[in-house]
C-alpha cells in the first residue's frame, strides 16, 4: 500500500505541475480542483470531489463535517489552493482532514503562486510529519 500511495503522490504532482504550466496562476481554486479531477480521472484513477469527512468526539458523537477537495483512490487526500502563498491555516486544514478521516497521507497543492507548490503530509497515530516530494 505504501508504494501505491507514493505512486499516487507522484501522479498528482506531475498532473498538478502540468495544470499549472498550462493554466498558470490567476484562476479560482475551483478551476484547479476541477482540472485535477478531470486529468486524474483521465489517467484511470478513482477521484471523489468534495469528499465528506465526519469529525467525531471521543464518545463517538458527530461534531461536524468537513469536505476535502479530493480523495484519490480512497487513500490520499488532496487539498487544492489558489493563494499567493501557503499559510499555516492551509496546513492546519489538511492535517485536520487527515486526522478526522484516519487517512494517513495528504497533499497540499497551491496553484495561485507563480511557482507551483506541493507538499506531502503524513499523519500517524503518534505524530504528523512532512515528506518533501
Protein backbone atom coordinates (compact mmCIF):
# COMPACT_ATOMS: atom_id res chain seq x y z
CA UNK A 1 0.00 0.00 0.00
CA UNK A 2 2.81 2.40 0.85
CA UNK A 3 4.27 2.07 -2.66
CA UNK A 4 0.83 2.74 -4.12
CA UNK A 5 0.47 5.97 -2.10
CA UNK A 6 3.89 7.17 -3.27
CA UNK A 7 2.94 6.39 -6.86
CA UNK A 8 -0.33 8.32 -6.44
CA UNK A 9 1.57 11.28 -4.96
CA UNK A 10 3.87 11.31 -7.99
CA UNK A 11 0.89 11.22 -10.34
CA UNK A 12 -0.81 14.13 -8.54
CA UNK A 13 2.47 16.10 -8.52
CA UNK A 14 3.06 15.56 -12.24
CA UNK A 15 -0.56 16.33 -13.11
CA UNK A 16 -0.63 19.43 -10.91
CA UNK A 17 2.56 20.73 -12.49
CA UNK A 18 1.10 20.19 -15.98
CA UNK A 19 -2.05 22.09 -14.97
CA UNK A 20 -0.01 24.95 -13.51
CA UNK A 21 2.17 25.11 -16.61
CA UNK A 22 -0.88 25.21 -18.89
CA UNK A 23 -3.25 27.47 -16.91
CA UNK A 24 -0.76 29.43 -14.79
CA UNK A 25 -1.81 31.29 -11.64
CA UNK A 26 -4.85 33.55 -11.56
CA UNK A 27 -7.87 31.26 -11.62
CA UNK A 28 -10.21 30.49 -8.74
CA UNK A 29 -9.47 27.41 -6.63
CA UNK A 30 -12.44 25.52 -8.11
CA UNK A 31 -10.92 25.68 -11.62
CA UNK A 32 -7.75 23.95 -10.43
CA UNK A 33 -9.72 21.44 -8.39
CA UNK A 34 -11.85 20.58 -11.42
CA UNK A 35 -8.75 20.33 -13.63
CA UNK A 36 -7.11 17.91 -11.17
CA UNK A 37 -10.24 15.75 -11.02
CA UNK A 38 -10.59 15.72 -14.80
CA UNK A 39 -6.97 14.88 -15.54
CA UNK A 40 -6.55 12.32 -12.76
CA UNK A 41 -9.70 10.50 -13.90
CA UNK A 42 -8.33 10.52 -17.46
CA UNK A 43 -5.32 8.68 -16.02
CA UNK A 44 -7.70 6.00 -14.72
CA UNK A 45 -7.76 6.99 -11.04
CA UNK A 46 -10.79 6.92 -8.78
CA UNK A 47 -11.22 10.51 -7.57
CA UNK A 48 -14.01 11.74 -5.30
CA UNK A 49 -14.55 15.52 -5.31
CA UNK A 50 -15.73 17.39 -2.19
CA UNK A 51 -15.46 14.20 -0.15
CA UNK A 52 -17.39 14.45 3.15
CA UNK A 53 -15.37 13.67 6.29
CA UNK A 54 -17.09 13.43 9.67
CA UNK A 55 -15.46 14.67 12.86
CA UNK A 56 -16.23 12.67 15.99
CA UNK A 57 -15.86 13.43 19.69
CA UNK A 58 -14.23 10.89 21.98
CA UNK A 59 -17.59 9.24 22.73
CA UNK A 60 -18.46 8.88 19.04
CA UNK A 61 -20.76 11.90 18.78
CA UNK A 62 -20.61 13.53 15.35
CA UNK A 63 -19.41 17.11 15.83
CA UNK A 64 -19.38 18.25 12.25
CA UNK A 65 -18.39 17.52 8.71
CA UNK A 66 -15.53 18.69 6.50
CA UNK A 67 -15.37 18.47 2.74
CA UNK A 68 -11.94 17.55 1.43
CA UNK A 69 -11.28 18.81 -2.10
CA UNK A 70 -10.20 15.41 -3.43
CA UNK A 71 -9.95 11.85 -2.21
CA UNK A 72 -7.78 9.82 -4.58
CA UNK A 73 -8.15 6.04 -4.61
CA UNK A 74 -9.62 6.20 -1.07
CA UNK A 75 -6.11 6.63 0.36
CA UNK A 76 -4.86 10.13 -0.45
CA UNK A 77 -6.46 13.48 0.42
CA UNK A 78 -5.56 16.38 -1.85
CA UNK A 79 -6.29 19.95 -0.75
CA UNK A 80 -6.06 22.44 -3.62
CA UNK A 81 -5.40 26.14 -3.08
CA UNK A 82 -5.15 29.19 -5.32
CA UNK A 83 -3.36 31.55 -2.95
CA UNK A 84 -0.35 33.85 -3.33
CA UNK A 85 1.38 31.75 -0.68
CA UNK A 86 0.56 28.76 1.51
CA UNK A 87 -0.49 29.81 5.01
CA UNK A 88 -0.35 27.89 8.28
CA UNK A 89 -4.16 27.74 8.15
CA UNK A 90 -3.96 25.72 4.92
CA UNK A 91 -1.64 23.20 6.56
CA UNK A 92 -3.87 23.02 9.65
CA UNK A 93 -6.89 22.42 7.42
CA UNK A 94 -5.26 19.46 5.67
CA UNK A 95 -3.97 17.99 8.93
CA UNK A 96 -7.49 18.27 10.38
CA UNK A 97 -8.88 16.39 7.37
CA UNK A 98 -6.27 13.66 7.77
CA UNK A 99 -6.97 13.24 11.48
CA UNK A 100 -10.75 13.29 11.01
CA UNK A 101 -10.70 10.74 8.21
CA UNK A 102 -7.96 8.50 9.62
CA UNK A 103 -6.30 8.74 6.19
CA UNK A 104 -2.53 8.87 6.69
CA UNK A 105 -1.37 10.68 3.54
CA UNK A 106 -2.31 14.09 2.18
CA UNK A 107 -1.05 16.61 -0.33
CA UNK A 108 -1.34 20.38 -0.12
CA UNK A 109 -1.19 21.86 -3.61
CA UNK A 110 -1.09 25.58 -4.42
CA UNK A 111 -1.69 26.82 -7.95
CA UNK A 112 -2.01 30.54 -7.11
CA UNK A 113 1.68 31.48 -6.93
CA UNK A 114 3.99 31.93 -9.92
CA UNK A 115 5.84 28.77 -8.81
CA UNK A 116 3.84 25.55 -8.40
CA UNK A 117 3.80 24.31 -4.77
CA UNK A 118 3.13 20.82 -3.45
CA UNK A 119 3.93 19.28 -0.08
CA UNK A 120 3.09 15.87 1.34
CA UNK A 121 1.90 15.41 4.92
CA UNK A 122 1.67 12.13 6.81
CA UNK A 123 -0.36 11.71 9.99
CA UNK A 124 0.05 8.56 12.03
CA UNK A 125 -1.41 7.73 15.42
CA UNK A 126 1.56 9.35 17.14
CA UNK A 127 2.57 12.40 15.10
CA UNK A 128 2.31 14.46 11.95
CA UNK A 129 5.31 14.59 9.65
CA UNK A 130 6.16 16.32 6.43
CA UNK A 131 7.62 14.49 3.46
CA UNK A 132 9.17 16.51 0.68
CA UNK A 133 8.17 15.31 -2.77
